[in-house]
Amino acid sequence: MIPTELLDRLANTGAEVTRPTGSTVPGGLFPDWVLQPESLAQLTALVRILHASAVDWRVDARGRNWGYDDSRVREPGLIVRLARLDRLDLDVELGLATVQPGVTFAQLNEALQAADARYYLPSPGSGPHTSVLGNALERGLLAGLGERERHCRDFLVLRRDGELTRLGWEEAADDRVRRALPYPPGPHLQGSLFQTGGYGPVVVELTHVLPVATELTTEPVLLAGAELTEDLLRCWRDLLLGELVTSTILASPARRRAQGITVSYDGLVLNLYIAATSATMLRAKVLDVQRLARQHGQRLAARFGGGYDDLSILGGDRNHPEAVGHLPEGLEWQTAALPFIPSVVAAFARAVRTDPLLADIPWTLRPLDSRALVWLAPIVYRKENSDSVALLRRRVAAVARLRDEFAVPAYRSGAVRSDR
């Protein structure tokens, strides 16, 4: 329990003090309170008070890291939520967006559209009302961009003792210079800001490099059969190495069924997203994709089915995320980071398919780049059903055994996981 005197001091900073709401994850604990400052000054005051106390605390952006660690803490304590810090600065000339934690993908893309900018940042599977900053730091993987860490720069950081720093930059440095350059001069610690689960330094602002929006696109698929083959993986890797595809995702039939996507084909599908700035370039890319597919003995077809929406497998609505944590079903993400070695990836997929606990779970494979893939499985369970929770735990243990067998790590395990 948070002492009343301490809670009063925290409330006197002007931050909003509320009780926690629902969560999708089974691990961790509900915080005693959620504190929401509306300014950097309020946040700084909160952090200094908490630093001097014995209370365990973490920060989150909007509390919508569904299936990882939304609205949870690993020890009794509280959450400092940064959703009300929502300043957004666009540099449409350089293609940069400087965001505070409360800025969502929807807000960013609305601002880009209003500015008639040529840039766009696609929303993640967790929905358009997810924090751009929080998603980059803790979730990290976005269609078309791969690992988002390399697209982030110029971090304004509040240390746990309440001191602000630009992390390697002199305060006198010009704003546009800082934001344009990927790193500060000399040694820097930008990597230490990622995957802290909200228990590290508080990132209160970062600049995100924006991809150019392309109107000329096509979305074919490779029909990969019932079993993931090395030939398909070699074809996929060649497509990435040749920069012929902007975004790709390989989905199991169970993943499509979990979203209610009904198609006659019941095998693995590799979705391809091909984009170009001219019709001539698009045709050339499509011809190269067709050539590589034939070369590797793969079947190319027109796109079918919808996109991959994380919340729909819970029966949730990505446009109304406030209700997701209160659904009777919960969500637990299991992941594995794999080298893009066809024999290894095919063997891992085979091990999943032949494990009785894992054979029917929905999963996808997404590339970080042409040298690494992430296996992601959103496992749904019923929160109030002890048998369902027990099955979830057995499945989590089965995935952990596979990671140990293949000597691969989890990908971004979340703040309340026991292995953090």
Protein backbone atom coordinates (compact mmCIF):
# COMPACT_ATOMS: atom_id res chain seq x y z
CA MET A 1 0.00 0.00 0.00
CA ILE A 2 1.13 3.53 -0.80
CA PRO A 3 1.30 5.64 2.39
CA THR A 4 -1.42 8.31 2.49
CA GLU A 5 1.10 11.09 3.13
CA LEU A 6 3.10 10.08 0.05
CA LEU A 7 -0.02 9.82 -2.10
CA ASP A 8 -1.05 13.32 -1.00
CA ARG A 9 2.35 14.70 -1.97
CA LEU A 10 2.10 13.04 -5.37
CA ALA A 11 -1.42 14.38 -5.90
CA ASN A 12 -0.28 17.88 -4.94
CA THR A 13 1.98 17.97 -8.00
CA GLY A 14 -1.21 18.39 -10.04
CA ALA A 15 -1.03 14.95 -11.61
CA GLU A 16 -4.27 13.03 -12.00
CA VAL A 17 -4.48 10.09 -9.58
CA THR A 18 -6.69 7.16 -10.60
CA ARG A 19 -7.19 3.50 -9.89
CA PRO A 20 -5.87 1.02 -12.49
CA THR A 21 -8.13 -0.39 -15.18
CA GLY A 22 -8.25 -3.86 -16.74
CA SER A 23 -5.37 -5.76 -18.29
CA THR A 24 -4.95 -8.50 -20.86
CA VAL A 25 -1.93 -10.21 -19.29
CA PRO A 26 -1.93 -12.81 -16.49
CA GLY A 27 1.47 -11.92 -15.04
CA GLY A 28 2.51 -9.21 -12.66
CA LEU A 29 0.28 -7.17 -10.35
CA PHE A 30 -2.19 -4.36 -10.70
CA PRO A 31 -0.61 -1.12 -9.47
CA ASP A 32 -2.07 0.54 -6.40
CA TRP A 33 -2.48 3.80 -8.33
CA VAL A 34 -1.92 5.31 -11.76
CA LEU A 35 -0.49 8.85 -11.84
CA GLN A 36 -0.96 10.95 -14.98
CA PRO A 37 0.98 14.23 -15.17
CA GLU A 38 -0.02 16.72 -17.85
CA SER A 39 3.28 18.58 -18.11
CA LEU A 40 6.99 17.96 -17.94
CA ALA A 41 7.12 20.04 -14.75
CA GLN A 42 4.54 17.81 -13.06
CA LEU A 43 6.35 14.69 -14.25
CA THR A 44 9.67 15.96 -12.91
CA ALA A 45 8.11 16.70 -9.52
CA LEU A 46 6.56 13.21 -9.40
CA VAL A 47 9.81 11.49 -10.31
CA ARG A 48 11.79 13.36 -7.67
CA ILE A 49 9.27 12.46 -4.96
CA LEU A 50 9.21 8.81 -6.03
CA HIS A 51 12.99 8.65 -6.25
CA ALA A 52 13.24 9.70 -2.61
CA SER A 53 10.63 7.15 -1.53
CA ALA A 54 10.80 3.37 -1.19
CA VAL A 55 7.91 2.81 -3.60
CA ASP A 56 8.42 0.62 -6.67
CA TRP A 57 7.23 2.39 -9.82
CA ARG A 58 7.36 2.20 -13.57
CA VAL A 59 6.26 4.42 -16.42
CA ASP A 60 4.18 3.64 -19.45
CA ALA A 61 2.98 5.77 -22.33
CA ARG A 62 -0.71 4.96 -22.70
CA GLY A 63 -0.99 1.54 -21.02
CA ARG A 64 -1.86 -0.25 -24.26
CA ASN A 65 1.01 -2.64 -24.82
CA TRP A 66 -1.59 -5.39 -25.17
CA GLY A 67 -0.42 -8.88 -24.34
CA TYR A 68 2.95 -7.73 -23.00
CA ASP A 69 2.61 -5.63 -19.85
CA ASP A 70 -0.36 -3.27 -20.05
CA SER A 71 -1.36 -1.75 -16.68
CA ARG A 72 0.81 -4.15 -14.68
CA VAL A 73 3.79 -3.89 -12.34
CA ARG A 74 6.19 -6.61 -11.24
CA GLU A 75 6.19 -5.57 -7.55
CA PRO A 76 3.55 -3.75 -5.47
CA GLY A 77 3.72 -0.10 -6.47
CA LEU A 78 2.35 2.33 -9.02
CA ILE A 79 2.46 3.42 -12.64
CA VAL A 80 3.28 6.88 -13.93
CA ARG A 81 1.33 7.14 -17.18
CA LEU A 82 2.46 9.72 -19.73
CA ALA A 83 -0.62 9.81 -21.98
CA ARG A 84 -1.32 13.49 -21.24
CA LEU A 85 2.12 14.56 -22.48
CA ASP A 86 1.13 14.76 -26.13
CA ARG A 87 3.11 17.48 -27.88
CA LEU A 88 3.89 16.78 -31.54
CA ASP A 89 6.29 18.72 -33.77
CA LEU A 90 6.54 17.91 -37.48
CA ASP A 91 9.43 18.74 -39.77
CA VAL A 92 7.83 18.00 -43.13
CA GLU A 93 10.95 19.09 -45.01
CA LEU A 94 13.19 16.52 -43.32
CA GLY A 95 10.47 13.93 -42.70
CA LEU A 96 10.80 13.92 -38.91
CA ALA A 97 8.22 13.77 -36.13
CA THR A 98 9.22 14.77 -32.60
CA VAL A 99 6.74 13.20 -30.20
CA GLN A 100 5.99 12.99 -26.52
CA PRO A 101 4.67 9.70 -25.10
CA GLY A 102 0.99 10.59 -25.43
CA VAL A 103 1.10 11.05 -29.22
CA THR A 104 -0.67 8.19 -31.00
CA PHE A 105 -0.26 6.82 -34.50
CA ALA A 106 -3.70 8.20 -35.34
CA GLN A 107 -2.76 11.71 -34.16
CA LEU A 108 0.53 11.63 -36.02
CA ASN A 109 -1.00 10.50 -39.30
CA GLU A 110 -3.85 13.02 -39.00
CA ALA A 111 -1.25 15.76 -38.55
CA LEU A 112 0.73 14.51 -41.54
CA GLN A 113 -2.40 14.47 -43.67
CA ALA A 114 -3.36 17.98 -42.54
CA ALA A 115 0.13 19.20 -43.44
CA ASP A 116 -0.16 17.53 -46.86
CA ALA A 117 3.12 15.77 -46.08
CA ARG A 118 4.47 12.93 -48.18
CA TYR A 119 5.11 10.77 -45.12
CA TYR A 120 3.13 8.16 -43.23
CA LEU A 121 3.74 5.87 -40.25
CA PRO A 122 1.65 2.69 -40.38
CA SER A 123 -0.20 1.73 -37.21
CA PRO A 124 0.88 -1.46 -35.41
CA GLY A 125 -1.35 -4.47 -34.83
CA SER A 126 -2.16 -3.09 -31.39
CA GLY A 127 -4.11 -0.28 -33.05
CA PRO A 128 -3.94 3.37 -34.12
CA HIS A 129 -4.41 4.65 -30.56
CA THR A 130 -1.09 3.19 -29.43
CA SER A 131 1.74 5.53 -28.43
CA VAL A 132 4.31 6.14 -31.17
CA LEU A 133 7.05 6.59 -28.57
CA GLY A 134 6.02 3.75 -26.28
CA ASN A 135 5.60 1.31 -29.15
CA ALA A 136 9.07 2.14 -30.46
CA LEU A 137 10.75 1.68 -27.10
CA GLU A 138 8.98 -1.42 -25.84
CA ARG A 139 7.45 -3.26 -28.78
CA GLY A 140 9.73 -2.20 -31.54
CA LEU A 141 8.63 -4.09 -34.64
CA LEU A 142 6.54 -2.32 -37.28
CA ALA A 143 5.52 -3.47 -40.74
CA GLY A 144 7.73 -1.95 -43.41
CA LEU A 145 10.27 -0.60 -40.92
CA GLY A 146 11.50 -3.70 -39.17
CA GLU A 147 13.26 -2.89 -35.91
CA ARG A 148 12.21 0.67 -35.08
CA GLU A 149 15.19 1.47 -32.88
CA ARG A 150 17.19 2.59 -35.89
CA HIS A 151 14.47 5.10 -36.83
CA CYS A 152 14.54 6.92 -33.46
CA ARG A 153 16.90 9.71 -32.41
CA ASP A 154 17.34 12.84 -30.27
CA PHE A 155 15.99 11.54 -26.97
CA LEU A 156 14.98 13.86 -24.15
CA VAL A 157 15.39 11.75 -21.03
CA LEU A 158 14.35 12.26 -17.42
CA ARG A 159 16.64 10.26 -15.19
CA ARG A 160 15.15 8.42 -12.23
CA ASP A 161 16.52 11.13 -9.94
CA GLY A 162 14.54 13.80 -11.82
CA GLU A 163 17.36 15.32 -13.90
CA LEU A 164 16.77 16.04 -17.61
CA THR A 165 19.36 15.19 -20.24
CA ARG A 166 19.63 15.15 -24.03
CA LEU A 167 21.77 12.02 -23.75
CA GLY A 168 25.01 13.02 -25.41
CA TRP A 169 24.03 16.38 -26.86
CA GLU A 170 25.06 19.76 -25.57
CA GLU A 171 22.05 21.85 -24.63
CA ALA A 172 23.16 24.55 -27.07
CA ALA A 173 22.89 22.22 -30.07
CA ASP A 174 20.42 23.38 -32.72
CA ASP A 175 17.08 21.51 -32.62
CA ARG A 176 17.04 20.64 -36.32
CA VAL A 177 20.65 19.52 -36.28
CA ARG A 178 20.02 17.21 -33.33
CA ARG A 179 16.92 15.75 -34.90
CA ALA A 180 18.47 15.27 -38.32
CA LEU A 181 21.51 13.35 -37.10
CA PRO A 182 21.05 9.71 -36.07
CA TYR A 183 23.45 9.89 -33.11
CA PRO A 184 25.10 12.51 -30.92
CA PRO A 185 28.87 12.93 -31.36
CA GLY A 186 31.10 10.63 -29.39
CA PRO A 187 29.99 7.71 -27.21
CA HIS A 188 26.26 7.56 -26.56
CA LEU A 189 23.84 5.42 -24.57
CA GLN A 190 20.75 5.49 -26.77
CA GLY A 191 20.45 1.71 -26.78
CA SER A 192 20.00 1.71 -23.01
CA LEU A 193 16.60 3.39 -23.41
CA PHE A 194 14.98 0.45 -25.19
CA GLN A 195 13.26 -2.56 -23.62
CA THR A 196 13.47 -1.26 -20.05
CA GLY A 197 9.83 -2.11 -19.41
CA GLY A 198 9.33 1.33 -17.89
CA TYR A 199 11.86 0.70 -15.13
CA GLY A 200 14.71 2.64 -16.72
CA PRO A 201 15.21 6.31 -17.57
CA VAL A 202 11.98 8.08 -18.56
CA VAL A 203 11.99 9.04 -22.24
CA VAL A 204 9.80 12.13 -22.47
CA GLU A 205 10.49 12.94 -26.12
CA LEU A 206 12.09 11.41 -29.18
CA THR A 207 12.31 12.14 -32.89
CA HIS A 208 11.08 9.48 -35.31
CA VAL A 209 12.22 9.26 -38.93
CA LEU A 210 9.14 8.94 -41.15
CA PRO A 211 8.92 6.71 -44.22
CA VAL A 212 7.65 8.16 -47.48
CA ALA A 213 4.06 7.19 -48.27
CA THR A 214 3.72 5.47 -51.63
CA GLU A 215 0.42 5.33 -53.49
CA LEU A 216 1.52 2.76 -56.06
CA THR A 217 1.34 -0.62 -54.36
CA THR A 218 0.38 -4.22 -54.91
CA GLU A 219 0.01 -7.01 -52.38
CA PRO A 220 0.51 -10.53 -53.76
CA VAL A 221 1.04 -13.60 -51.59
CA LEU A 222 3.20 -16.68 -51.76
CA LEU A 223 1.25 -19.86 -50.99
CA ALA A 224 3.69 -21.69 -48.79
CA GLY A 225 1.97 -25.02 -48.19
CA ALA A 226 1.32 -26.83 -44.92
CA GLU A 227 4.96 -26.86 -43.80
CA LEU A 228 7.48 -24.05 -43.84
CA THR A 229 10.20 -25.08 -46.28
CA GLU A 230 13.76 -23.93 -46.73
CA ASP A 231 13.00 -23.09 -50.37
CA LEU A 232 10.29 -20.66 -49.31
CA LEU A 233 12.61 -19.09 -46.74
CA ARG A 234 15.40 -18.68 -49.31
CA CYS A 235 12.94 -17.02 -51.67
CA TRP A 236 11.75 -14.72 -48.89
CA ARG A 237 15.28 -13.75 -47.95
CA ASP A 238 16.19 -13.04 -51.58
CA LEU A 239 13.16 -10.74 -51.84
CA LEU A 240 14.40 -8.83 -48.81
CA LEU A 241 18.03 -8.73 -49.93
CA GLY A 242 16.93 -7.40 -53.32
CA GLU A 243 14.76 -4.75 -51.63
CA LEU A 244 11.84 -5.85 -53.78
CA VAL A 245 9.29 -5.80 -50.97
CA THR A 246 8.49 -3.03 -48.50
CA SER A 247 6.81 -5.25 -45.94
CA THR A 248 6.28 -8.98 -45.45
CA ILE A 249 4.65 -11.27 -42.93
CA LEU A 250 4.22 -15.04 -42.94
CA ALA A 251 1.04 -16.22 -41.23
CA SER A 252 -0.10 -19.63 -40.10
CA PRO A 253 -3.65 -20.82 -40.86
CA ALA A 254 -4.40 -20.64 -37.13
CA ARG A 255 -3.49 -16.94 -37.13
CA ARG A 256 -5.97 -16.24 -39.90
CA ARG A 257 -8.67 -18.29 -38.20
CA ALA A 258 -8.11 -16.45 -34.92
CA GLN A 259 -9.07 -13.23 -36.69
CA GLY A 260 -12.02 -14.77 -38.49
CA ILE A 261 -10.35 -14.55 -41.91
CA THR A 262 -11.95 -17.34 -43.94
CA VAL A 263 -10.30 -18.46 -47.18
CA SER A 264 -10.31 -21.72 -49.09
CA TYR A 265 -6.52 -22.07 -48.89
CA ASP A 266 -5.45 -23.68 -45.61
CA GLY A 267 -1.67 -23.44 -45.73
CA LEU A 268 0.99 -20.97 -44.70
CA VAL A 269 0.81 -17.65 -46.53
CA LEU A 270 3.63 -15.15 -47.06
CA ASN A 271 2.05 -11.73 -47.54
CA LEU A 272 4.09 -9.35 -49.69
CA TYR A 273 3.69 -5.59 -49.87
CA ILE A 274 5.35 -4.06 -52.93
CA ALA A 275 5.52 -0.28 -53.28
CA ALA A 276 7.11 2.06 -55.79
CA THR A 277 7.12 5.71 -56.75
CA SER A 278 6.24 5.09 -60.39
CA ALA A 279 4.21 2.59 -62.38
CA THR A 280 7.31 1.58 -64.33
CA MET A 281 9.24 0.82 -61.15
CA LEU A 282 6.29 -1.10 -59.68
CA ARG A 283 6.00 -3.29 -62.79
CA ALA A 284 9.73 -3.97 -62.69
CA LYS A 285 9.55 -5.01 -59.03
CA VAL A 286 6.58 -7.29 -59.67
CA LEU A 287 8.41 -8.97 -62.55
CA ASP A 288 11.44 -9.53 -60.31
CA VAL A 289 9.22 -10.99 -57.58
CA GLN A 290 7.61 -13.33 -60.11
CA ARG A 291 11.05 -14.37 -61.37
CA LEU A 292 12.32 -15.16 -57.87
CA ALA A 293 9.15 -17.08 -57.02
CA ARG A 294 9.59 -19.27 -60.11
CA GLN A 295 13.29 -19.69 -59.41
CA HIS A 296 12.55 -21.03 -55.93
CA GLY A 297 9.54 -23.09 -57.01
CA GLN A 298 6.98 -20.96 -55.14
CA ARG A 299 3.35 -20.21 -56.04
CA LEU A 300 2.42 -16.55 -56.32
CA ALA A 301 -1.22 -15.49 -56.02
CA ALA A 302 -3.36 -12.40 -55.56
CA ARG A 303 -3.83 -11.11 -52.02
CA PHE A 304 -6.70 -12.45 -49.96
CA GLY A 305 -7.94 -11.90 -46.42
CA GLY A 306 -7.53 -8.90 -44.18
CA GLY A 307 -4.66 -7.38 -42.26
CA TYR A 308 -3.31 -8.71 -38.99
CA ASP A 309 -5.13 -6.99 -36.15
CA ASP A 310 -3.95 -8.08 -32.70
CA LEU A 311 -7.08 -6.99 -30.86
CA SER A 312 -9.59 -8.74 -33.11
CA ILE A 313 -8.44 -12.15 -31.88
CA LEU A 314 -9.73 -11.10 -28.45
CA GLY A 315 -13.00 -9.87 -29.86
CA GLY A 316 -11.77 -6.34 -29.24
CA ASP A 317 -12.01 -3.24 -31.40
CA ARG A 318 -8.77 -1.44 -32.22
CA ASN A 319 -10.71 1.83 -32.41
CA HIS A 320 -11.99 1.43 -28.84
CA PRO A 321 -8.93 0.28 -26.90
CA GLU A 322 -10.30 1.47 -23.56
CA ALA A 323 -12.52 -1.64 -23.46
CA VAL A 324 -9.90 -4.25 -24.31
CA GLY A 325 -8.53 -4.77 -20.81
CA HIS A 326 -12.02 -5.55 -19.49
CA LEU A 327 -12.79 -8.36 -21.93
CA PRO A 328 -13.20 -11.88 -20.48
CA GLU A 329 -10.34 -13.08 -22.68
CA GLY A 330 -6.74 -12.16 -22.05
CA LEU A 331 -3.74 -12.16 -24.35
CA GLU A 332 -0.21 -13.41 -23.80
CA TRP A 333 2.44 -12.85 -26.47
CA GLN A 334 5.11 -15.48 -26.86
CA THR A 335 8.08 -14.68 -29.07
CA ALA A 336 11.39 -15.97 -30.37
CA ALA A 337 14.10 -14.06 -32.23
CA LEU A 338 15.64 -16.24 -34.94
CA PRO A 339 18.57 -15.86 -37.32
CA PHE A 340 17.33 -15.85 -40.91
CA ILE A 341 18.97 -19.21 -41.60
CA PRO A 342 16.48 -21.30 -43.58
CA SER A 343 17.40 -24.60 -41.92
CA VAL A 344 17.04 -23.12 -38.43
CA VAL A 345 13.76 -21.31 -39.10
CA ALA A 346 12.22 -24.33 -40.83
CA ALA A 347 13.26 -26.60 -37.96
CA PHE A 348 11.80 -24.18 -35.40
CA ALA A 349 8.48 -24.02 -37.28
CA ARG A 350 8.44 -27.82 -37.51
CA ALA A 351 9.03 -28.10 -33.77
CA VAL A 352 6.08 -25.78 -33.13
CA ARG A 353 3.85 -27.73 -35.51
CA THR A 354 4.67 -31.09 -33.93
CA ASP A 355 4.36 -30.02 -30.30
CA PRO A 356 0.87 -31.01 -29.04
CA LEU A 357 0.67 -27.88 -26.88
CA LEU A 358 1.64 -25.51 -29.69
CA ALA A 359 0.34 -27.10 -32.89
CA ASP A 360 -2.87 -25.05 -32.98
CA ILE A 361 -1.68 -21.69 -31.63
CA PRO A 362 -1.80 -18.71 -34.00
CA TRP A 363 1.61 -17.40 -35.03
CA THR A 364 3.36 -15.22 -37.56
CA LEU A 365 6.93 -14.64 -38.69
CA ARG A 366 8.12 -11.08 -39.31
CA PRO A 367 11.57 -10.03 -40.52
CA LEU A 368 13.64 -7.58 -38.52
CA ASP A 369 15.74 -7.31 -41.66
CA SER A 370 17.19 -9.79 -44.15
CA ARG A 371 19.23 -11.48 -41.42
CA ALA A 372 16.80 -11.99 -38.54
CA LEU A 373 13.17 -12.95 -38.02
CA VAL A 374 10.78 -12.75 -35.10
CA TRP A 375 8.28 -15.53 -34.37
CA LEU A 376 5.23 -14.09 -32.60
CA ALA A 377 2.33 -16.02 -31.11
CA PRO A 378 -0.62 -14.21 -29.48
CA ILE A 379 -2.11 -16.83 -27.16
CA VAL A 380 -5.64 -16.16 -25.94
CA TYR A 381 -6.93 -17.47 -22.62
CA ARG A 382 -10.01 -16.97 -20.44
CA LYS A 383 -9.09 -14.90 -17.41
CA GLU A 384 -11.56 -16.46 -14.97
CA ASN A 385 -11.15 -20.04 -16.18
CA SER A 386 -8.50 -21.90 -14.18
CA ASP A 387 -8.16 -24.64 -16.81
CA SER A 388 -7.57 -22.03 -19.51
CA VAL A 389 -4.96 -20.24 -17.40
CA ALA A 390 -3.25 -23.56 -16.64
CA LEU A 391 -3.15 -24.42 -20.36
CA LEU A 392 -1.66 -21.00 -21.07
CA ARG A 393 1.11 -21.64 -18.56
CA ARG A 394 1.90 -25.01 -20.10
CA ARG A 395 2.09 -23.40 -23.52
CA VAL A 396 4.36 -20.64 -22.24
CA ALA A 397 6.63 -23.31 -20.75
CA ALA A 398 6.62 -25.21 -24.06
CA VAL A 399 7.73 -22.10 -25.96
CA ALA A 400 10.48 -21.51 -23.39
CA ARG A 401 11.70 -25.08 -23.91
CA LEU A 402 11.84 -24.51 -27.66
CA ARG A 403 13.82 -21.31 -27.22
CA ASP A 404 16.27 -23.20 -25.02
CA GLU A 405 16.50 -26.05 -27.52
CA PHE A 406 17.30 -23.66 -30.38
CA ALA A 407 19.39 -21.33 -28.18
CA VAL A 408 17.41 -18.25 -29.22
CA PRO A 409 16.07 -15.43 -27.03
CA ALA A 410 12.60 -14.03 -26.64
CA TYR A 411 11.91 -10.79 -28.48
CA ARG A 412 11.04 -7.93 -26.11
CA SER A 413 9.56 -9.87 -23.24
CA GLY A 414 7.75 -7.04 -21.43
CA ALA A 415 8.03 -5.42 -18.03
CA VAL A 416 6.33 -7.98 -15.81
CA ARG A 417 7.85 -11.17 -17.14
CA SER A 418 9.59 -13.38 -14.61
CA ASP A 419 12.72 -13.53 -16.75
CA ARG A 420 13.37 -9.78 -16.62
